[in-house]
Amino acid sequence: MEFKRAGVIGAGAWGTALAQVAACAGLDVLLQAREAEVVDSIRARHVNEAFLPDVTLSERISVTGDLADLADCDLVLAVPPAQHMRSTLTAFAPYHRAGVPIILCSKGVERGSLKLMTDVLAETLPAAPAAVLSGPSFAGEVARGLPSAVTLACADPELGEALMAALSGPSFRPYLATDLIGAEVGGAIKNVLAIACGMSEGKGLGRSAHAAIITRGFAEMTRLGVALGGQAETVAGLCGLGDLVLTCSSPQSRNMSLGLALGQGQSVEEALAGKRSVAEGYESAPAVRELAKKMSVDMPISLAVAALLGGETTVDAVIDNLLSRPLRAERD
């Protein structure tokens, strides 16, 4: 398998960074943007002024506002917000050629259906081989060529190796896995947990509390991943633990910065006001809560975050409730 022309659906910060990755790996890249001003900015100055203003994009990247233009691409990276993945792939369906792989690069659980992005892809583009790209990676750092490593999960090892080779570069290193569910769960749940870590930071609870949230949150992530059919080993890798550590450790994370604002006393509405980029944890938290209940998986931190974002409780009540939970064995 040889890939020469990559399409990227979604020109937010992460989609633009991945277009840069593909271009640096030697692919010709067509980046699809929903916003007309993004198309104009990249065409005129080769910079995405709205979402990644400090990075000059490769000359191998061209831009379009029309999904139909991606019909000739021989691999596609899908990077819309998770809650818009279904509508985006449905719109792209008339232009997708059977057999062209779709790499899912958005992290979340779909509200209503409680489905992962691979399930959404299977229902909207059943003729598309699926892969998942997930791991500890801030868009700005990746786009600037700073070193990063991610998981690329694909059920077909031969296709996975070809995709890995097509996207790898001097500073971008994919590691191959075959467990798509584990890769997806790690990426989705870490966004919710990052809000909890930000909240702890905003309240000044200290580094010990921060470490406890990451560790106990990782246990929640693993329990859900296994319950859904994923492998604990996958969740313990870059797409789970690695992404969790990064997202919970820097205000560069949109999810952690949201939690930080909540911990400092802002309302959800105030914390989200004026933000163009999506905090996927905010969008996915209600679905994560419902999925945990459906699967009978104990996820107290994630459920507390969902309740806080839904206006059902307060930051102080969340902290008190988590600290007053019954004592238990660590491995339970």
C-alpha atoms as a PDB file:
ATOM      1  CA  MET A   1       0.000   0.000   0.000  1.00  0.00           C
ATOM      2  CA  GLU A   2       1.299   3.406  -0.960  1.00  0.00           C
ATOM      3  CA  PHE A   3      -0.303   6.713  -0.078  1.00  0.00           C
ATOM      4  CA  LYS A   4       0.486   9.907  -1.944  1.00  0.00           C
ATOM      5  CA  ARG A   5      -2.411  12.307  -1.315  1.00  0.00           C
ATOM      6  CA  ALA A   6      -3.999  12.814   2.090  1.00  0.00           C
ATOM      7  CA  GLY A   7      -7.214  14.625   2.861  1.00  0.00           C
ATOM      8  CA  VAL A   8      -7.811  16.214   6.256  1.00  0.00           C
ATOM      9  CA  ILE A   9     -11.389  17.000   7.264  1.00  0.00           C
ATOM     10  CA  GLY A  10     -11.471  19.793   9.796  1.00  0.00           C
ATOM     11  CA  ALA A  11      -9.092  22.754   9.984  1.00  0.00           C
ATOM     12  CA  GLY A  12      -9.086  23.467  13.691  1.00  0.00           C
ATOM     13  CA  ALA A  13      -5.756  23.492  15.490  1.00  0.00           C
ATOM     14  CA  TRP A  14      -5.394  19.702  15.558  1.00  0.00           C
ATOM     15  CA  GLY A  15      -6.557  19.151  12.001  1.00  0.00           C
ATOM     16  CA  THR A  16      -4.135  21.815  10.781  1.00  0.00           C
ATOM     17  CA  ALA A  17      -1.298  20.283  12.806  1.00  0.00           C
ATOM     18  CA  LEU A  18      -1.997  16.858  11.313  1.00  0.00           C
ATOM     19  CA  ALA A  19      -2.017  18.352   7.824  1.00  0.00           C
ATOM     20  CA  GLN A  20       1.444  19.692   8.613  1.00  0.00           C
ATOM     21  CA  VAL A  21       2.522  16.240   9.858  1.00  0.00           C
ATOM     22  CA  ALA A  22       1.336  14.561   6.668  1.00  0.00           C
ATOM     23  CA  ALA A  23       3.026  17.173   4.507  1.00  0.00           C
ATOM     24  CA  CYS A  24       6.315  16.835   6.408  1.00  0.00           C
ATOM     25  CA  ALA A  25       6.065  13.060   5.872  1.00  0.00           C
ATOM     26  CA  GLY A  26       6.071  13.703   2.113  1.00  0.00           C
ATOM     27  CA  LEU A  27       2.359  13.560   1.285  1.00  0.00           C
ATOM     28  CA  ASP A  28       0.439  16.073  -0.753  1.00  0.00           C
ATOM     29  CA  VAL A  29      -2.304  17.312   1.568  1.00  0.00           C
ATOM     30  CA  LEU A  30      -5.724  18.825   0.961  1.00  0.00           C
ATOM     31  CA  LEU A  31      -7.107  20.422   4.133  1.00  0.00           C
ATOM     32  CA  GLN A  32     -10.868  20.989   4.279  1.00  0.00           C
ATOM     33  CA  ALA A  33     -12.049  23.928   6.365  1.00  0.00           C
ATOM     34  CA  ARG A  34     -15.628  24.784   7.266  1.00  0.00           C
ATOM     35  CA  GLU A  35     -14.818  28.448   7.932  1.00  0.00           C
ATOM     36  CA  ALA A  36     -14.384  30.673   4.870  1.00  0.00           C
ATOM     37  CA  GLU A  37     -11.925  32.899   6.739  1.00  0.00           C
ATOM     38  CA  VAL A  38      -9.671  29.893   7.380  1.00  0.00           C
ATOM     39  CA  VAL A  39      -9.682  28.998   3.688  1.00  0.00           C
ATOM     40  CA  ASP A  40      -8.835  32.607   2.797  1.00  0.00           C
ATOM     41  CA  SER A  41      -6.095  32.848   5.427  1.00  0.00           C
ATOM     42  CA  ILE A  42      -4.312  29.665   4.341  1.00  0.00           C
ATOM     43  CA  ARG A  43      -4.598  30.527   0.647  1.00  0.00           C
ATOM     44  CA  ALA A  44      -3.344  34.068   1.109  1.00  0.00           C
ATOM     45  CA  ARG A  45      -0.649  33.648   3.796  1.00  0.00           C
ATOM     46  CA  HIS A  46      -0.249  29.883   4.325  1.00  0.00           C
ATOM     47  CA  VAL A  47      -1.201  30.393   7.969  1.00  0.00           C
ATOM     48  CA  ASN A  48      -4.345  29.357   9.825  1.00  0.00           C
ATOM     49  CA  GLU A  49      -4.803  32.683  11.607  1.00  0.00           C
ATOM     50  CA  ALA A  50      -7.936  31.547  13.456  1.00  0.00           C
ATOM     51  CA  PHE A  51      -6.670  28.324  15.045  1.00  0.00           C
ATOM     52  CA  LEU A  52      -2.882  28.024  14.634  1.00  0.00           C
ATOM     53  CA  PRO A  53      -1.586  31.536  13.963  1.00  0.00           C
ATOM     54  CA  ASP A  54       2.080  31.003  14.859  1.00  0.00           C
ATOM     55  CA  VAL A  55       2.859  28.257  12.332  1.00  0.00           C
ATOM     56  CA  THR A  56       3.678  28.706   8.649  1.00  0.00           C
ATOM     57  CA  LEU A  57       2.256  25.734   6.813  1.00  0.00           C
ATOM     58  CA  SER A  58       4.067  23.547   4.319  1.00  0.00           C
ATOM     59  CA  GLU A  59       3.770  24.376   0.633  1.00  0.00           C
ATOM     60  CA  ARG A  60       2.502  20.829   0.158  1.00  0.00           C
ATOM     61  CA  ILE A  61      -0.750  21.806   1.912  1.00  0.00           C
ATOM     62  CA  SER A  62      -3.638  23.201  -0.119  1.00  0.00           C
ATOM     63  CA  VAL A  63      -7.017  24.139   1.309  1.00  0.00           C
ATOM     64  CA  THR A  64     -10.660  23.859   0.284  1.00  0.00           C
ATOM     65  CA  GLY A  65     -14.059  24.521   1.726  1.00  0.00           C
ATOM     66  CA  ASP A  66     -15.697  21.694  -0.232  1.00  0.00           C
ATOM     67  CA  LEU A  67     -15.700  18.080   0.950  1.00  0.00           C
ATOM     68  CA  ALA A  68     -16.179  16.937  -2.649  1.00  0.00           C
ATOM     69  CA  ASP A  69     -12.615  18.005  -3.407  1.00  0.00           C
ATOM     70  CA  LEU A  70     -11.328  15.199  -1.162  1.00  0.00           C
ATOM     71  CA  ALA A  71     -12.764  12.527  -3.442  1.00  0.00           C
ATOM     72  CA  ASP A  72      -9.387  11.809  -5.058  1.00  0.00           C
ATOM     73  CA  CYS A  73      -7.452  11.441  -1.784  1.00  0.00           C
ATOM     74  CA  ASP A  74      -6.146   7.960  -1.021  1.00  0.00           C
ATOM     75  CA  LEU A  75      -6.322   8.371   2.758  1.00  0.00           C
ATOM     76  CA  VAL A  76      -8.405  10.723   4.895  1.00  0.00           C
ATOM     77  CA  LEU A  77      -7.879  12.005   8.428  1.00  0.00           C
ATOM     78  CA  ALA A  78     -11.203  12.932  10.034  1.00  0.00           C
ATOM     79  CA  VAL A  79     -10.750  15.697  12.620  1.00  0.00           C
ATOM     80  CA  PRO A  80     -14.107  17.421  13.234  1.00  0.00           C
ATOM     81  CA  PRO A  81     -15.299  17.811  16.850  1.00  0.00           C
ATOM     82  CA  ALA A  82     -16.508  14.431  18.097  1.00  0.00           C
ATOM     83  CA  GLN A  83     -20.128  15.545  18.414  1.00  0.00           C
ATOM     84  CA  HIS A  84     -20.072  16.549  14.730  1.00  0.00           C
ATOM     85  CA  MET A  85     -18.342  13.422  13.452  1.00  0.00           C
ATOM     86  CA  ARG A  86     -21.567  11.731  12.309  1.00  0.00           C
ATOM     87  CA  SER A  87     -22.875  14.713  10.351  1.00  0.00           C
ATOM     88  CA  THR A  88     -19.441  15.345   8.828  1.00  0.00           C
ATOM     89  CA  LEU A  89     -18.925  11.761   7.666  1.00  0.00           C
ATOM     90  CA  THR A  90     -22.495  11.622   6.362  1.00  0.00           C
ATOM     91  CA  ALA A  91     -21.794  14.718   4.286  1.00  0.00           C
ATOM     92  CA  PHE A  92     -18.548  13.176   3.016  1.00  0.00           C
ATOM     93  CA  ALA A  93     -20.141   9.805   2.166  1.00  0.00           C
ATOM     94  CA  PRO A  94     -21.053  10.648  -1.463  1.00  0.00           C
ATOM     95  CA  TYR A  95     -17.386  11.438  -2.185  1.00  0.00           C
ATOM     96  CA  HIS A  96     -15.732   8.543  -0.373  1.00  0.00           C
ATOM     97  CA  ARG A  97     -14.335   5.747  -2.507  1.00  0.00           C
ATOM     98  CA  ALA A  98     -14.685   2.237  -1.083  1.00  0.00           C
ATOM     99  CA  GLY A  99     -11.434   1.047   0.438  1.00  0.00           C
ATOM    100  CA  VAL A 100      -9.998   4.495   1.176  1.00  0.00           C
ATOM    101  CA  PRO A 101      -9.015   4.363   4.868  1.00  0.00           C
ATOM    102  CA  ILE A 102     -10.367   6.887   7.354  1.00  0.00           C
ATOM    103  CA  ILE A 103      -8.129   7.765  10.303  1.00  0.00           C
ATOM    104  CA  LEU A 104     -10.278   9.022  13.176  1.00  0.00           C
ATOM    105  CA  CYS A 105      -8.461  11.765  15.065  1.00  0.00           C
ATOM    106  CA  SER A 106     -11.225  13.188  17.283  1.00  0.00           C
ATOM    107  CA  LYS A 107     -11.717  12.050  20.874  1.00  0.00           C
ATOM    108  CA  GLY A 108     -15.118  11.644  22.460  1.00  0.00           C
ATOM    109  CA  VAL A 109     -18.306   9.686  23.039  1.00  0.00           C
ATOM    110  CA  GLU A 110     -21.318  10.625  20.934  1.00  0.00           C
ATOM    111  CA  ARG A 111     -24.200  12.037  22.916  1.00  0.00           C
ATOM    112  CA  GLY A 112     -27.481  10.188  22.584  1.00  0.00           C
ATOM    113  CA  SER A 113     -26.135   7.031  20.959  1.00  0.00           C
ATOM    114  CA  LEU A 114     -23.231   6.659  23.470  1.00  0.00           C
ATOM    115  CA  LYS A 115     -21.104   5.375  20.597  1.00  0.00           C
ATOM    116  CA  LEU A 116     -17.399   5.706  19.942  1.00  0.00           C
ATOM    117  CA  MET A 117     -16.157   7.300  16.736  1.00  0.00           C
ATOM    118  CA  THR A 118     -15.376   3.915  15.156  1.00  0.00           C
ATOM    119  CA  ASP A 119     -19.038   2.964  15.604  1.00  0.00           C
ATOM    120  CA  VAL A 120     -20.074   6.238  13.978  1.00  0.00           C
ATOM    121  CA  LEU A 121     -17.722   5.566  11.063  1.00  0.00           C
ATOM    122  CA  ALA A 122     -19.068   2.028  10.597  1.00  0.00           C
ATOM    123  CA  GLU A 123     -22.614   3.375  10.357  1.00  0.00           C
ATOM    124  CA  THR A 124     -21.853   6.275   8.018  1.00  0.00           C
ATOM    125  CA  LEU A 125     -19.046   4.912   5.807  1.00  0.00           C
ATOM    126  CA  PRO A 126     -19.259   1.102   6.044  1.00  0.00           C
ATOM    127  CA  ALA A 127     -16.831   0.637   3.140  1.00  0.00           C
ATOM    128  CA  ALA A 128     -14.063   2.589   4.879  1.00  0.00           C
ATOM    129  CA  PRO A 129     -11.232   0.739   6.636  1.00  0.00           C
ATOM    130  CA  ALA A 130     -10.877   2.365  10.067  1.00  0.00           C
ATOM    131  CA  ALA A 131      -7.892   3.539  12.058  1.00  0.00           C
ATOM    132  CA  VAL A 132      -7.609   5.647  15.207  1.00  0.00           C
ATOM    133  CA  LEU A 133      -4.831   8.138  15.909  1.00  0.00           C
ATOM    134  CA  SER A 134      -4.546   9.227  19.532  1.00  0.00           C
ATOM    135  CA  GLY A 135      -1.849  10.158  21.999  1.00  0.00           C
ATOM    136  CA  PRO A 136      -0.134  12.924  23.980  1.00  0.00           C
ATOM    137  CA  SER A 137       0.145  15.763  21.492  1.00  0.00           C
ATOM    138  CA  PHE A 138      -0.518  19.492  21.667  1.00  0.00           C
ATOM    139  CA  ALA A 139      -1.358  20.858  18.230  1.00  0.00           C
ATOM    140  CA  GLY A 140       1.027  23.800  18.348  1.00  0.00           C
ATOM    141  CA  GLU A 141       3.982  21.663  19.373  1.00  0.00           C
ATOM    142  CA  VAL A 142       3.279  19.023  16.738  1.00  0.00           C
ATOM    143  CA  ALA A 143       2.838  21.631  14.008  1.00  0.00           C
ATOM    144  CA  ARG A 144       6.134  23.300  14.944  1.00  0.00           C
ATOM    145  CA  GLY A 145       7.972  19.999  14.613  1.00  0.00           C
ATOM    146  CA  LEU A 146       8.627  19.316  18.287  1.00  0.00           C
ATOM    147  CA  PRO A 147       8.991  15.594  19.104  1.00  0.00           C
ATOM    148  CA  SER A 148       5.821  13.622  19.806  1.00  0.00           C
ATOM    149  CA  ALA A 149       4.695   9.994  19.836  1.00  0.00           C
ATOM    150  CA  VAL A 150       1.163   8.675  19.362  1.00  0.00           C
ATOM    151  CA  THR A 151      -0.777   5.449  18.999  1.00  0.00           C
ATOM    152  CA  LEU A 152      -2.093   4.477  15.584  1.00  0.00           C
ATOM    153  CA  ALA A 153      -4.645   1.693  16.063  1.00  0.00           C
ATOM    154  CA  CYS A 154      -5.856  -0.388  13.138  1.00  0.00           C
ATOM    155  CA  ALA A 155      -7.455  -3.832  13.158  1.00  0.00           C
ATOM    156  CA  ASP A 156      -5.620  -4.729   9.917  1.00  0.00           C
ATOM    157  CA  PRO A 157      -1.900  -4.836  10.840  1.00  0.00           C
ATOM    158  CA  GLU A 158      -0.766  -4.554   7.201  1.00  0.00           C
ATOM    159  CA  LEU A 159      -2.860  -1.427   6.656  1.00  0.00           C
ATOM    160  CA  GLY A 160      -1.764  -0.072  10.029  1.00  0.00           C
ATOM    161  CA  GLU A 161       1.901  -0.454   9.099  1.00  0.00           C
ATOM    162  CA  ALA A 162       1.310   1.327   5.786  1.00  0.00           C
ATOM    163  CA  LEU A 163      -0.502   4.212   7.486  1.00  0.00           C
ATOM    164  CA  MET A 164       2.172   4.431  10.155  1.00  0.00           C
ATOM    165  CA  ALA A 165       4.877   4.640   7.508  1.00  0.00           C
ATOM    166  CA  ALA A 166       2.912   7.264   5.556  1.00  0.00           C
ATOM    167  CA  LEU A 167       2.551   9.618   8.534  1.00  0.00           C
ATOM    168  CA  SER A 168       5.809   9.157  10.419  1.00  0.00           C
ATOM    169  CA  GLY A 169       8.454  11.828  10.204  1.00  0.00           C
ATOM    170  CA  PRO A 170      11.602  13.038  11.936  1.00  0.00           C
ATOM    171  CA  SER A 171       9.639  14.389  14.915  1.00  0.00           C
ATOM    172  CA  PHE A 172       6.313  12.516  14.712  1.00  0.00           C
ATOM    173  CA  ARG A 173       6.460   8.869  15.762  1.00  0.00           C
ATOM    174  CA  PRO A 174       3.363   6.624  15.604  1.00  0.00           C
ATOM    175  CA  TYR A 175       3.305   3.303  17.454  1.00  0.00           C
ATOM    176  CA  LEU A 176       1.070   0.566  16.035  1.00  0.00           C
ATOM    177  CA  ALA A 177      -1.773  -1.128  17.931  1.00  0.00           C
ATOM    178  CA  THR A 178      -4.709  -3.266  16.827  1.00  0.00           C
ATOM    179  CA  ASP A 179      -7.081  -2.342  19.681  1.00  0.00           C
ATOM    180  CA  LEU A 180      -9.241   0.501  18.396  1.00  0.00           C
ATOM    181  CA  ILE A 181     -11.609   0.475  21.377  1.00  0.00           C
ATOM    182  CA  GLY A 182      -8.819   0.906  23.918  1.00  0.00           C
ATOM    183  CA  ALA A 183      -7.312   3.714  21.873  1.00  0.00           C
ATOM    184  CA  GLU A 184     -10.644   5.515  21.623  1.00  0.00           C
ATOM    185  CA  VAL A 185     -11.614   5.156  25.270  1.00  0.00           C
ATOM    186  CA  GLY A 186      -8.280   6.558  26.410  1.00  0.00           C
ATOM    187  CA  GLY A 187      -8.659   9.625  24.223  1.00  0.00           C
ATOM    188  CA  ALA A 188     -12.256  10.271  25.221  1.00  0.00           C
ATOM    189  CA  ILE A 189     -12.055   9.822  28.998  1.00  0.00           C
ATOM    190  CA  LYS A 190      -8.814  11.741  29.532  1.00  0.00           C
ATOM    191  CA  ASN A 191     -10.570  14.940  28.411  1.00  0.00           C
ATOM    192  CA  VAL A 192     -13.160  14.597  31.185  1.00  0.00           C
ATOM    193  CA  LEU A 193     -10.475  13.804  33.760  1.00  0.00           C
ATOM    194  CA  ALA A 194      -8.422  16.815  32.669  1.00  0.00           C
ATOM    195  CA  ILE A 195     -11.313  19.045  33.716  1.00  0.00           C
ATOM    196  CA  ALA A 196     -11.124  17.482  37.192  1.00  0.00           C
ATOM    197  CA  CYS A 197      -7.363  18.096  37.353  1.00  0.00           C
ATOM    198  CA  GLY A 198      -7.820  21.697  36.289  1.00  0.00           C
ATOM    199  CA  MET A 199     -10.504  22.171  38.924  1.00  0.00           C
ATOM    200  CA  SER A 200      -8.131  20.826  41.586  1.00  0.00           C
ATOM    201  CA  GLU A 201      -5.419  23.190  40.379  1.00  0.00           C
ATOM    202  CA  GLY A 202      -7.806  26.136  40.398  1.00  0.00           C
ATOM    203  CA  LYS A 203      -8.821  25.386  43.992  1.00  0.00           C
ATOM    204  CA  GLY A 204      -5.166  25.155  45.041  1.00  0.00           C
ATOM    205  CA  LEU A 205      -5.464  21.571  46.307  1.00  0.00           C
ATOM    206  CA  GLY A 206      -1.799  20.801  45.612  1.00  0.00           C
ATOM    207  CA  ARG A 207       0.265  18.341  43.615  1.00  0.00           C
ATOM    208  CA  SER A 208      -0.677  15.359  45.782  1.00  0.00           C
ATOM    209  CA  ALA A 209      -4.352  15.780  44.878  1.00  0.00           C
ATOM    210  CA  HIS A 210      -3.352  16.266  41.248  1.00  0.00           C
ATOM    211  CA  ALA A 211      -1.464  12.956  41.239  1.00  0.00           C
ATOM    212  CA  ALA A 212      -4.367  11.197  42.941  1.00  0.00           C
ATOM    213  CA  ILE A 213      -6.842  12.384  40.295  1.00  0.00           C
ATOM    214  CA  ILE A 214      -4.593  11.195  37.468  1.00  0.00           C
ATOM    215  CA  THR A 215      -4.036   7.793  39.065  1.00  0.00           C
ATOM    216  CA  ARG A 216      -7.618   7.108  40.133  1.00  0.00           C
ATOM    217  CA  GLY A 217      -8.864   8.572  36.864  1.00  0.00           C
ATOM    218  CA  PHE A 218      -6.632   6.181  34.971  1.00  0.00           C
ATOM    219  CA  ALA A 219      -8.306   3.332  36.890  1.00  0.00           C
ATOM    220  CA  GLU A 220     -11.700   4.625  35.695  1.00  0.00           C
ATOM    221  CA  MET A 221     -10.472   4.839  32.121  1.00  0.00           C
ATOM    222  CA  THR A 222      -9.128   1.293  32.243  1.00  0.00           C
ATOM    223  CA  ARG A 223     -12.312  -0.149  33.745  1.00  0.00           C
ATOM    224  CA  LEU A 224     -14.458   1.384  31.020  1.00  0.00           C
ATOM    225  CA  GLY A 225     -12.080   0.382  28.242  1.00  0.00           C
ATOM    226  CA  VAL A 226     -12.066  -3.243  29.342  1.00  0.00           C
ATOM    227  CA  ALA A 227     -15.854  -3.277  29.841  1.00  0.00           C
ATOM    228  CA  LEU A 228     -16.299  -2.118  26.239  1.00  0.00           C
ATOM    229  CA  GLY A 229     -13.988  -4.824  24.897  1.00  0.00           C
ATOM    230  CA  GLY A 230     -10.677  -2.971  24.830  1.00  0.00           C
ATOM    231  CA  GLN A 231      -7.386  -4.101  26.327  1.00  0.00           C
ATOM    232  CA  ALA A 232      -5.887  -2.720  29.526  1.00  0.00           C
ATOM    233  CA  GLU A 233      -2.453  -2.784  27.850  1.00  0.00           C
ATOM    234  CA  THR A 234      -3.654  -0.346  25.183  1.00  0.00           C
ATOM    235  CA  VAL A 235      -5.074   2.067  27.749  1.00  0.00           C
ATOM    236  CA  ALA A 236      -1.739   1.932  29.589  1.00  0.00           C
ATOM    237  CA  GLY A 237       0.025   3.210  26.456  1.00  0.00           C
ATOM    238  CA  LEU A 238       0.391   6.535  24.689  1.00  0.00           C
ATOM    239  CA  CYS A 239      -3.300   6.799  23.748  1.00  0.00           C
ATOM    240  CA  GLY A 240      -4.432   6.387  27.357  1.00  0.00           C
ATOM    241  CA  LEU A 241      -1.987   6.997  30.166  1.00  0.00           C
ATOM    242  CA  GLY A 242       0.338   9.105  28.019  1.00  0.00           C
ATOM    243  CA  ASP A 243      -2.450  11.383  26.809  1.00  0.00           C
ATOM    244  CA  LEU A 244      -3.919  11.568  30.314  1.00  0.00           C
ATOM    245  CA  VAL A 245      -0.635  12.762  31.834  1.00  0.00           C
ATOM    246  CA  LEU A 246      -0.168  15.457  29.187  1.00  0.00           C
ATOM    247  CA  THR A 247      -3.737  16.748  29.167  1.00  0.00           C
ATOM    248  CA  CYS A 248      -3.912  16.875  32.955  1.00  0.00           C
ATOM    249  CA  SER A 249      -0.596  18.673  33.355  1.00  0.00           C
ATOM    250  CA  SER A 250      -0.756  21.879  31.322  1.00  0.00           C
ATOM    251  CA  PRO A 251      -3.180  24.787  30.854  1.00  0.00           C
ATOM    252  CA  GLN A 252      -2.396  24.428  27.126  1.00  0.00           C
ATOM    253  CA  SER A 253      -5.070  21.729  27.347  1.00  0.00           C
ATOM    254  CA  ARG A 254      -8.473  23.272  26.627  1.00  0.00           C
ATOM    255  CA  ASN A 255     -10.026  20.786  29.023  1.00  0.00           C
ATOM    256  CA  MET A 256      -7.660  21.487  31.896  1.00  0.00           C
ATOM    257  CA  SER A 257      -8.008  25.239  31.365  1.00  0.00           C
ATOM    258  CA  LEU A 258     -11.796  24.861  31.594  1.00  0.00           C
ATOM    259  CA  GLY A 259     -11.436  23.039  34.911  1.00  0.00           C
ATOM    260  CA  LEU A 260      -8.948  25.635  36.112  1.00  0.00           C
ATOM    261  CA  ALA A 261     -11.465  28.398  35.477  1.00  0.00           C
ATOM    262  CA  LEU A 262     -14.189  26.458  37.309  1.00  0.00           C
ATOM    263  CA  GLY A 263     -11.907  25.856  40.265  1.00  0.00           C
ATOM    264  CA  GLN A 264     -11.171  29.582  40.420  1.00  0.00           C
ATOM    265  CA  GLY A 265     -14.870  30.340  40.751  1.00  0.00           C
ATOM    266  CA  GLN A 266     -16.069  30.988  37.205  1.00  0.00           C
ATOM    267  CA  SER A 267     -19.346  29.524  36.011  1.00  0.00           C
ATOM    268  CA  VAL A 268     -19.370  27.068  33.120  1.00  0.00           C
ATOM    269  CA  GLU A 269     -20.800  29.783  30.879  1.00  0.00           C
ATOM    270  CA  GLU A 270     -18.066  32.253  31.861  1.00  0.00           C
ATOM    271  CA  ALA A 271     -15.331  29.651  31.390  1.00  0.00           C
ATOM    272  CA  LEU A 272     -16.535  28.785  27.885  1.00  0.00           C
ATOM    273  CA  ALA A 273     -17.310  32.327  26.731  1.00  0.00           C
ATOM    274  CA  GLY A 274     -15.389  33.498  23.679  1.00  0.00           C
ATOM    275  CA  LYS A 275     -13.718  30.140  22.998  1.00  0.00           C
ATOM    276  CA  ARG A 276     -13.575  29.094  19.344  1.00  0.00           C
ATOM    277  CA  SER A 277     -11.940  25.736  20.000  1.00  0.00           C
ATOM    278  CA  VAL A 278     -13.980  22.911  21.483  1.00  0.00           C
ATOM    279  CA  ALA A 279     -13.253  21.450  24.931  1.00  0.00           C
ATOM    280  CA  GLU A 280     -14.136  17.860  24.055  1.00  0.00           C
ATOM    281  CA  GLY A 281     -14.430  16.882  27.725  1.00  0.00           C
ATOM    282  CA  TYR A 282     -17.292  19.326  28.188  1.00  0.00           C
ATOM    283  CA  GLU A 283     -19.060  17.946  25.132  1.00  0.00           C
ATOM    284  CA  SER A 284     -18.515  14.270  25.993  1.00  0.00           C
ATOM    285  CA  ALA A 285     -18.981  14.282  29.786  1.00  0.00           C
ATOM    286  CA  PRO A 286     -22.771  13.652  29.726  1.00  0.00           C
ATOM    287  CA  ALA A 287     -22.320  10.744  27.315  1.00  0.00           C
ATOM    288  CA  VAL A 288     -19.471   9.321  29.401  1.00  0.00           C
ATOM    289  CA  ARG A 289     -21.707   9.398  32.476  1.00  0.00           C
ATOM    290  CA  GLU A 290     -24.515   7.586  30.662  1.00  0.00           C
ATOM    291  CA  LEU A 291     -22.122   5.059  29.174  1.00  0.00           C
ATOM    292  CA  ALA A 292     -20.625   4.301  32.604  1.00  0.00           C
ATOM    293  CA  LYS A 293     -24.104   3.701  33.998  1.00  0.00           C
ATOM    294  CA  LYS A 294     -25.082   1.541  31.024  1.00  0.00           C
ATOM    295  CA  MET A 295     -21.969  -0.617  31.427  1.00  0.00           C
ATOM    296  CA  SER A 296     -22.193  -0.633  35.271  1.00  0.00           C
ATOM    297  CA  VAL A 297     -18.665   0.777  35.530  1.00  0.00           C
ATOM    298  CA  ASP A 298     -17.687   2.744  38.638  1.00  0.00           C
ATOM    299  CA  MET A 299     -16.341   6.142  37.470  1.00  0.00           C
ATOM    300  CA  PRO A 300     -16.828   8.591  40.364  1.00  0.00           C
ATOM    301  CA  ILE A 301     -14.486  11.325  39.104  1.00  0.00           C
ATOM    302  CA  SER A 302     -15.952  11.355  35.602  1.00  0.00           C
ATOM    303  CA  LEU A 303     -19.503  11.318  36.947  1.00  0.00           C
ATOM    304  CA  ALA A 304     -18.725  14.181  39.303  1.00  0.00           C
ATOM    305  CA  VAL A 305     -17.343  16.268  36.428  1.00  0.00           C
ATOM    306  CA  ALA A 306     -20.471  15.591  34.363  1.00  0.00           C
ATOM    307  CA  ALA A 307     -22.690  16.647  37.259  1.00  0.00           C
ATOM    308  CA  LEU A 308     -20.681  19.848  37.753  1.00  0.00           C
ATOM    309  CA  LEU A 309     -20.813  20.765  34.057  1.00  0.00           C
ATOM    310  CA  GLY A 310     -24.551  20.088  34.057  1.00  0.00           C
ATOM    311  CA  GLY A 311     -25.128  22.541  36.910  1.00  0.00           C
ATOM    312  CA  GLU A 312     -26.195  19.778  39.306  1.00  0.00           C
ATOM    313  CA  THR A 313     -23.521  20.412  41.938  1.00  0.00           C
ATOM    314  CA  THR A 314     -20.698  22.759  42.942  1.00  0.00           C
ATOM    315  CA  VAL A 315     -16.924  22.464  42.950  1.00  0.00           C
ATOM    316  CA  ASP A 316     -16.825  22.309  46.757  1.00  0.00           C
ATOM    317  CA  ALA A 317     -19.526  19.626  46.848  1.00  0.00           C
ATOM    318  CA  VAL A 318     -17.651  17.553  44.261  1.00  0.00           C
ATOM    319  CA  ILE A 319     -14.497  17.654  46.384  1.00  0.00           C
ATOM    320  CA  ASP A 320     -16.356  16.790  49.592  1.00  0.00           C
ATOM    321  CA  ASN A 321     -18.232  13.912  47.947  1.00  0.00           C
ATOM    322  CA  LEU A 322     -15.118  12.369  46.419  1.00  0.00           C
ATOM    323  CA  LEU A 323     -13.187  12.591  49.694  1.00  0.00           C
ATOM    324  CA  SER A 324     -16.027  11.062  51.692  1.00  0.00           C
ATOM    325  CA  ARG A 325     -16.481   7.982  49.510  1.00  0.00           C
ATOM    326  CA  PRO A 326     -16.198   4.658  51.369  1.00  0.00           C
ATOM    327  CA  LEU A 327     -12.677   3.324  51.762  1.00  0.00           C
ATOM    328  CA  ARG A 328     -11.823   0.446  49.460  1.00  0.00           C
ATOM    329  CA  ALA A 329      -9.016  -1.710  48.108  1.00  0.00           C
ATOM    330  CA  GLU A 330      -6.989   0.077  45.453  1.00  0.00           C
ATOM    331  CA  ARG A 331      -7.504  -2.597  42.791  1.00  0.00           C
ATOM    332  CA  ASP A 332     -11.304  -2.739  43.192  1.00  0.00           C
END
